[in-house]
Amino acid sequence: MLDYEKIDDVEIENINHSDYPDFSDAYVLRASYNDPKTGEYRELTEDELESLDSGWVYEQVWEWIR
């Protein structure tokens, strides 16, 4: 289970402004994770990216477009 407080450098892709305010096609393309097991940053895997909470992703979309 990921600690969302340790996710950084989030890059959002596929923001369709005509889909405002839902942005239902937007997704996290990549993000870094401060892994507590290693103490180092690493890229999230595809599986981790796909399993991100949709509410959290939506918040990140809004942060990205501000």
PDB file of N, CA and C in Angstrom:
ATOM      1  N   MET A   1       0.847  -1.190   0.000  1.00  0.00           N
ATOM      2  CA  MET A   1       0.000   0.000   0.000  1.00  0.00           C
ATOM      3  C   MET A   1       0.885   1.242   0.000  1.00  0.00           C
ATOM      4  N   LEU A   2       0.585   2.150  -0.892  1.00  0.00           N
ATOM      5  CA  LEU A   2       1.371   3.371  -1.019  1.00  0.00           C
ATOM      6  C   LEU A   2       0.954   4.405   0.015  1.00  0.00           C
ATOM      7  N   ASP A   3       1.929   5.139   0.501  1.00  0.00           N
ATOM      8  CA  ASP A   3       1.685   6.294   1.355  1.00  0.00           C
ATOM      9  C   ASP A   3       1.624   7.502   0.420  1.00  0.00           C
ATOM     10  N   TYR A   4       0.434   8.035   0.215  1.00  0.00           N
ATOM     11  CA  TYR A   4       0.241   9.114  -0.758  1.00  0.00           C
ATOM     12  C   TYR A   4       1.030  10.370  -0.407  1.00  0.00           C
ATOM     13  N   GLU A   5       1.389  10.528   0.850  1.00  0.00           N
ATOM     14  CA  GLU A   5       2.195  11.682   1.264  1.00  0.00           C
ATOM     15  C   GLU A   5       3.621  11.594   0.711  1.00  0.00           C
ATOM     16  N   LYS A   6       4.026  10.419   0.282  1.00  0.00           N
ATOM     17  CA  LYS A   6       5.387  10.210  -0.217  1.00  0.00           C
ATOM     18  C   LYS A   6       5.472  10.211  -1.744  1.00  0.00           C
ATOM     19  N   ILE A   7       4.356  10.515  -2.404  1.00  0.00           N
ATOM     20  CA  ILE A   7       4.352  10.610  -3.864  1.00  0.00           C
ATOM     21  C   ILE A   7       4.666  12.047  -4.258  1.00  0.00           C
ATOM     22  N   ASP A   8       5.557  12.194  -5.231  1.00  0.00           N
ATOM     23  CA  ASP A   8       6.050  13.512  -5.632  1.00  0.00           C
ATOM     24  C   ASP A   8       6.247  13.537  -7.151  1.00  0.00           C
ATOM     25  N   ASP A   9       6.486  14.707  -7.692  1.00  0.00           N
ATOM     26  CA  ASP A   9       6.776  14.881  -9.118  1.00  0.00           C
ATOM     27  C   ASP A   9       5.730  14.207 -10.000  1.00  0.00           C
ATOM     28  N   VAL A  10       4.479  14.491  -9.722  1.00  0.00           N
ATOM     29  CA  VAL A  10       3.369  13.882 -10.459  1.00  0.00           C
ATOM     30  C   VAL A  10       3.216  14.573 -11.809  1.00  0.00           C
ATOM     31  N   GLU A  11       3.125  13.768 -12.866  1.00  0.00           N
ATOM     32  CA  GLU A  11       2.887  14.291 -14.211  1.00  0.00           C
ATOM     33  C   GLU A  11       1.553  13.743 -14.707  1.00  0.00           C
ATOM     34  N   ILE A  12       0.669  14.677 -15.087  1.00  0.00           N
ATOM     35  CA  ILE A  12      -0.680  14.327 -15.541  1.00  0.00           C
ATOM     36  C   ILE A  12      -0.732  14.379 -17.057  1.00  0.00           C
ATOM     37  N   GLU A  13      -1.455  13.453 -17.637  1.00  0.00           N
ATOM     38  CA  GLU A  13      -1.598  13.370 -19.092  1.00  0.00           C
ATOM     39  C   GLU A  13      -3.074  13.313 -19.456  1.00  0.00           C
ATOM     40  N   ASN A  14      -3.375  13.749 -20.680  1.00  0.00           N
ATOM     41  CA  ASN A  14      -4.695  13.614 -21.296  1.00  0.00           C
ATOM     42  C   ASN A  14      -5.777  14.471 -20.632  1.00  0.00           C
ATOM     43  N   ILE A  15      -5.420  15.696 -20.301  1.00  0.00           N
ATOM     44  CA  ILE A  15      -6.412  16.627 -19.758  1.00  0.00           C
ATOM     45  C   ILE A  15      -7.185  17.233 -20.927  1.00  0.00           C
ATOM     46  N   ASN A  16      -8.471  16.990 -20.933  1.00  0.00           N
ATOM     47  CA  ASN A  16      -9.352  17.512 -21.963  1.00  0.00           C
ATOM     48  C   ASN A  16     -10.195  18.611 -21.334  1.00  0.00           C
ATOM     49  N   HIS A  17      -9.885  19.864 -21.668  1.00  0.00           N
ATOM     50  CA  HIS A  17     -10.571  20.989 -21.030  1.00  0.00           C
ATOM     51  C   HIS A  17     -12.053  21.058 -21.402  1.00  0.00           C
ATOM     52  N   SER A  18     -12.449  20.428 -22.484  1.00  0.00           N
ATOM     53  CA  SER A  18     -13.873  20.412 -22.822  1.00  0.00           C
ATOM     54  C   SER A  18     -14.645  19.458 -21.909  1.00  0.00           C
ATOM     55  N   ASP A  19     -13.917  18.658 -21.131  1.00  0.00           N
ATOM     56  CA  ASP A  19     -14.524  17.732 -20.176  1.00  0.00           C
ATOM     57  C   ASP A  19     -14.588  18.345 -18.765  1.00  0.00           C
ATOM     58  N   TYR A  20     -14.349  19.654 -18.679  1.00  0.00           N
ATOM     59  CA  TYR A  20     -14.412  20.362 -17.396  1.00  0.00           C
ATOM     60  C   TYR A  20     -15.795  20.190 -16.783  1.00  0.00           C
ATOM     61  N   PRO A  21     -15.947  19.980 -15.508  1.00  0.00           N
ATOM     62  CA  PRO A  21     -14.927  19.861 -14.471  1.00  0.00           C
ATOM     63  C   PRO A  21     -14.541  18.418 -14.150  1.00  0.00           C
ATOM     64  N   ASP A  22     -15.007  17.469 -14.943  1.00  0.00           N
ATOM     65  CA  ASP A  22     -14.761  16.063 -14.620  1.00  0.00           C
ATOM     66  C   ASP A  22     -13.353  15.592 -14.967  1.00  0.00           C
ATOM     67  N   PHE A  23     -12.845  16.006 -16.118  1.00  0.00           N
ATOM     68  CA  PHE A  23     -11.529  15.560 -16.601  1.00  0.00           C
ATOM     69  C   PHE A  23     -11.393  14.047 -16.483  1.00  0.00           C
ATOM     70  N   SER A  24     -12.416  13.337 -16.931  1.00  0.00           N
ATOM     71  CA  SER A  24     -12.486  11.890 -16.724  1.00  0.00           C
ATOM     72  C   SER A  24     -11.433  11.099 -17.488  1.00  0.00           C
ATOM     73  N   ASP A  25     -10.833  11.682 -18.523  1.00  0.00           N
ATOM     74  CA  ASP A  25      -9.808  10.971 -19.284  1.00  0.00           C
ATOM     75  C   ASP A  25      -8.397  11.224 -18.775  1.00  0.00           C
ATOM     76  N   ALA A  26      -8.242  12.146 -17.846  1.00  0.00           N
ATOM     77  CA  ALA A  26      -6.914  12.474 -17.322  1.00  0.00           C
ATOM     78  C   ALA A  26      -6.398  11.338 -16.442  1.00  0.00           C
ATOM     79  N   TYR A  27      -5.092  11.149 -16.457  1.00  0.00           N
ATOM     80  CA  TYR A  27      -4.468  10.105 -15.643  1.00  0.00           C
ATOM     81  C   TYR A  27      -3.047  10.513 -15.263  1.00  0.00           C
ATOM     82  N   VAL A  28      -2.490   9.835 -14.280  1.00  0.00           N
ATOM     83  CA  VAL A  28      -1.116  10.078 -13.862  1.00  0.00           C
ATOM     84  C   VAL A  28      -0.202   9.293 -14.794  1.00  0.00           C
ATOM     85  N   LEU A  29       0.613  10.010 -15.546  1.00  0.00           N
ATOM     86  CA  LEU A  29       1.536   9.383 -16.480  1.00  0.00           C
ATOM     87  C   LEU A  29       2.744   8.806 -15.748  1.00  0.00           C
ATOM     88  N   ARG A  30       3.261   9.592 -14.804  1.00  0.00           N
ATOM     89  CA  ARG A  30       4.402   9.137 -14.003  1.00  0.00           C
ATOM     90  C   ARG A  30       4.425   9.916 -12.702  1.00  0.00           C
ATOM     91  N   ALA A  31       5.097   9.328 -11.732  1.00  0.00           N
ATOM     92  CA  ALA A  31       5.268   9.979 -10.429  1.00  0.00           C
ATOM     93  C   ALA A  31       6.421   9.303  -9.710  1.00  0.00           C
ATOM     94  N   SER A  32       7.058  10.041  -8.822  1.00  0.00           N
ATOM     95  CA  SER A  32       8.136   9.505  -7.993  1.00  0.00           C
ATOM     96  C   SER A  32       7.579   9.151  -6.632  1.00  0.00           C
ATOM     97  N   TYR A  33       8.229   8.187  -6.005  1.00  0.00           N
ATOM     98  CA  TYR A  33       7.793   7.719  -4.691  1.00  0.00           C
ATOM     99  C   TYR A  33       9.000   7.611  -3.779  1.00  0.00           C
ATOM    100  N   ASN A  34       8.916   8.247  -2.612  1.00  0.00           N
ATOM    101  CA  ASN A  34       9.972   8.156  -1.609  1.00  0.00           C
ATOM    102  C   ASN A  34       9.737   6.863  -0.843  1.00  0.00           C
ATOM    103  N   ASP A  35      10.346   5.804  -1.323  1.00  0.00           N
ATOM    104  CA  ASP A  35      10.099   4.460  -0.811  1.00  0.00           C
ATOM    105  C   ASP A  35      10.686   4.289   0.589  1.00  0.00           C
ATOM    106  N   PRO A  36       9.826   4.066   1.594  1.00  0.00           N
ATOM    107  CA  PRO A  36      10.324   3.917   2.960  1.00  0.00           C
ATOM    108  C   PRO A  36      11.175   2.654   3.150  1.00  0.00           C
ATOM    109  N   LYS A  37      11.025   1.677   2.257  1.00  0.00           N
ATOM    110  CA  LYS A  37      11.823   0.454   2.368  1.00  0.00           C
ATOM    111  C   LYS A  37      13.287   0.693   2.029  1.00  0.00           C
ATOM    112  N   THR A  38      13.527   1.586   1.049  1.00  0.00           N
ATOM    113  CA  THR A  38      14.899   1.842   0.600  1.00  0.00           C
ATOM    114  C   THR A  38      15.410   3.214   1.015  1.00  0.00           C
ATOM    115  N   GLY A  39      14.490   4.124   1.335  1.00  0.00           N
ATOM    116  CA  GLY A  39      14.889   5.494   1.660  1.00  0.00           C
ATOM    117  C   GLY A  39      15.253   6.307   0.435  1.00  0.00           C
ATOM    118  N   GLU A  40      14.946   5.780  -0.748  1.00  0.00           N
ATOM    119  CA  GLU A  40      15.279   6.461  -1.997  1.00  0.00           C
ATOM    120  C   GLU A  40      14.027   6.645  -2.846  1.00  0.00           C
ATOM    121  N   TYR A  41      14.112   7.640  -3.738  1.00  0.00           N
ATOM    122  CA  TYR A  41      13.010   7.865  -4.676  1.00  0.00           C
ATOM    123  C   TYR A  41      13.095   6.859  -5.813  1.00  0.00           C
ATOM    124  N   ARG A  42      11.930   6.433  -6.266  1.00  0.00           N
ATOM    125  CA  ARG A  42      11.828   5.558  -7.428  1.00  0.00           C
ATOM    126  C   ARG A  42      10.568   5.935  -8.188  1.00  0.00           C
ATOM    127  N   GLU A  43      10.510   5.553  -9.457  1.00  0.00           N
ATOM    128  CA  GLU A  43       9.311   5.772 -10.259  1.00  0.00           C
ATOM    129  C   GLU A  43       8.244   4.757  -9.851  1.00  0.00           C
ATOM    130  N   LEU A  44       6.990   5.184  -9.810  1.00  0.00           N
ATOM    131  CA  LEU A  44       5.898   4.249  -9.568  1.00  0.00           C
ATOM    132  C   LEU A  44       5.795   3.289 -10.752  1.00  0.00           C
ATOM    133  N   THR A  45       5.463   2.053 -10.479  1.00  0.00           N
ATOM    134  CA  THR A  45       5.286   1.063 -11.537  1.00  0.00           C
ATOM    135  C   THR A  45       3.946   1.279 -12.233  1.00  0.00           C
ATOM    136  N   GLU A  46       3.757   0.640 -13.372  1.00  0.00           N
ATOM    137  CA  GLU A  46       2.468   0.709 -14.077  1.00  0.00           C
ATOM    138  C   GLU A  46       1.336   0.243 -13.180  1.00  0.00           C
ATOM    139  N   ASP A  47       1.540  -0.868 -12.480  1.00  0.00           N
ATOM    140  CA  ASP A  47       0.502  -1.386 -11.585  1.00  0.00           C
ATOM    141  C   ASP A  47       0.169  -0.391 -10.478  1.00  0.00           C
ATOM    142  N   GLU A  48       1.187   0.249  -9.929  1.00  0.00           N
ATOM    143  CA  GLU A  48       0.950   1.242  -8.880  1.00  0.00           C
ATOM    144  C   GLU A  48       0.205   2.449  -9.436  1.00  0.00           C
ATOM    145  N   LEU A  49       0.590   2.889 -10.626  1.00  0.00           N
ATOM    146  CA  LEU A  49      -0.098   4.029 -11.247  1.00  0.00           C
ATOM    147  C   LEU A  49      -1.563   3.705 -11.499  1.00  0.00           C
ATOM    148  N   GLU A  50      -1.830   2.507 -11.977  1.00  0.00           N
ATOM    149  CA  GLU A  50      -3.204   2.114 -12.278  1.00  0.00           C
ATOM    150  C   GLU A  50      -4.048   1.934 -11.021  1.00  0.00           C
ATOM    151  N   SER A  51      -3.407   1.672  -9.902  1.00  0.00           N
ATOM    152  CA  SER A  51      -4.156   1.429  -8.663  1.00  0.00           C
ATOM    153  C   SER A  51      -4.330   2.680  -7.808  1.00  0.00           C
ATOM    154  N   LEU A  52      -3.851   3.838  -8.292  1.00  0.00           N
ATOM    155  CA  LEU A  52      -3.996   5.065  -7.516  1.00  0.00           C
ATOM    156  C   LEU A  52      -5.467   5.396  -7.303  1.00  0.00           C
ATOM    157  N   ASP A  53      -5.780   5.888  -6.129  1.00  0.00           N
ATOM    158  CA  ASP A  53      -7.146   6.269  -5.784  1.00  0.00           C
ATOM    159  C   ASP A  53      -7.644   7.360  -6.733  1.00  0.00           C
ATOM    160  N   SER A  54      -8.821   7.173  -7.315  1.00  0.00           N
ATOM    161  CA  SER A  54      -9.346   8.120  -8.303  1.00  0.00           C
ATOM    162  C   SER A  54      -9.569   9.509  -7.719  1.00  0.00           C
ATOM    163  N   GLY A  55      -9.962   9.591  -6.452  1.00  0.00           N
ATOM    164  CA  GLY A  55     -10.123  10.898  -5.810  1.00  0.00           C
ATOM    165  C   GLY A  55      -8.812  11.631  -5.691  1.00  0.00           C
ATOM    166  N   TRP A  56      -7.751  10.895  -5.362  1.00  0.00           N
ATOM    167  CA  TRP A  56      -6.417  11.493  -5.257  1.00  0.00           C
ATOM    168  C   TRP A  56      -5.947  11.961  -6.635  1.00  0.00           C
ATOM    169  N   VAL A  57      -6.193  11.140  -7.655  1.00  0.00           N
ATOM    170  CA  VAL A  57      -5.802  11.512  -9.019  1.00  0.00           C
ATOM    171  C   VAL A  57      -6.535  12.786  -9.435  1.00  0.00           C
ATOM    172  N   TYR A  58      -7.813  12.872  -9.124  1.00  0.00           N
ATOM    173  CA  TYR A  58      -8.599  14.062  -9.464  1.00  0.00           C
ATOM    174  C   TYR A  58      -8.003  15.313  -8.810  1.00  0.00           C
ATOM    175  N   GLU A  59      -7.592  15.196  -7.561  1.00  0.00           N
ATOM    176  CA  GLU A  59      -6.939  16.323  -6.874  1.00  0.00           C
ATOM    177  C   GLU A  59      -5.647  16.707  -7.587  1.00  0.00           C
ATOM    178  N   GLN A  60      -4.903  15.723  -8.040  1.00  0.00           N
ATOM    179  CA  GLN A  60      -3.648  15.995  -8.739  1.00  0.00           C
ATOM    180  C   GLN A  60      -3.890  16.674 -10.081  1.00  0.00           C
ATOM    181  N   VAL A  61      -4.968  16.312 -10.752  1.00  0.00           N
ATOM    182  CA  VAL A  61      -5.323  16.966 -12.017  1.00  0.00           C
ATOM    183  C   VAL A  61      -5.529  18.456 -11.769  1.00  0.00           C
ATOM    184  N   TRP A  62      -6.274  18.788 -10.733  1.00  0.00           N
ATOM    185  CA  TRP A  62      -6.519  20.204 -10.421  1.00  0.00           C
ATOM    186  C   TRP A  62      -5.236  20.927 -10.050  1.00  0.00           C
ATOM    187  N   GLU A  63      -4.350  20.269  -9.318  1.00  0.00           N
ATOM    188  CA  GLU A  63      -3.063  20.887  -8.979  1.00  0.00           C
ATOM    189  C   GLU A  63      -2.245  21.125 -10.241  1.00  0.00           C
ATOM    190  N   TRP A  64      -2.306  20.206 -11.188  1.00  0.00           N
ATOM    191  CA  TRP A  64      -1.535  20.290 -12.419  1.00  0.00           C
ATOM    192  C   TRP A  64      -1.999  21.474 -13.288  1.00  0.00           C
ATOM    193  N   ILE A  65      -3.303  21.721 -13.347  1.00  0.00           N
ATOM    194  CA  ILE A  65      -3.798  22.777 -14.244  1.00  0.00           C
ATOM    195  C   ILE A  65      -3.785  24.170 -13.608  1.00  0.00           C
ATOM    196  N   ARG A  66      -3.522  24.251 -12.326  1.00  0.00           N
ATOM    197  CA  ARG A  66      -3.457  25.583 -11.680  1.00  0.00           C
ATOM    198  C   ARG A  66      -2.204  26.304 -12.000  1.00  0.00           C
TER     199      ARG A  66
END
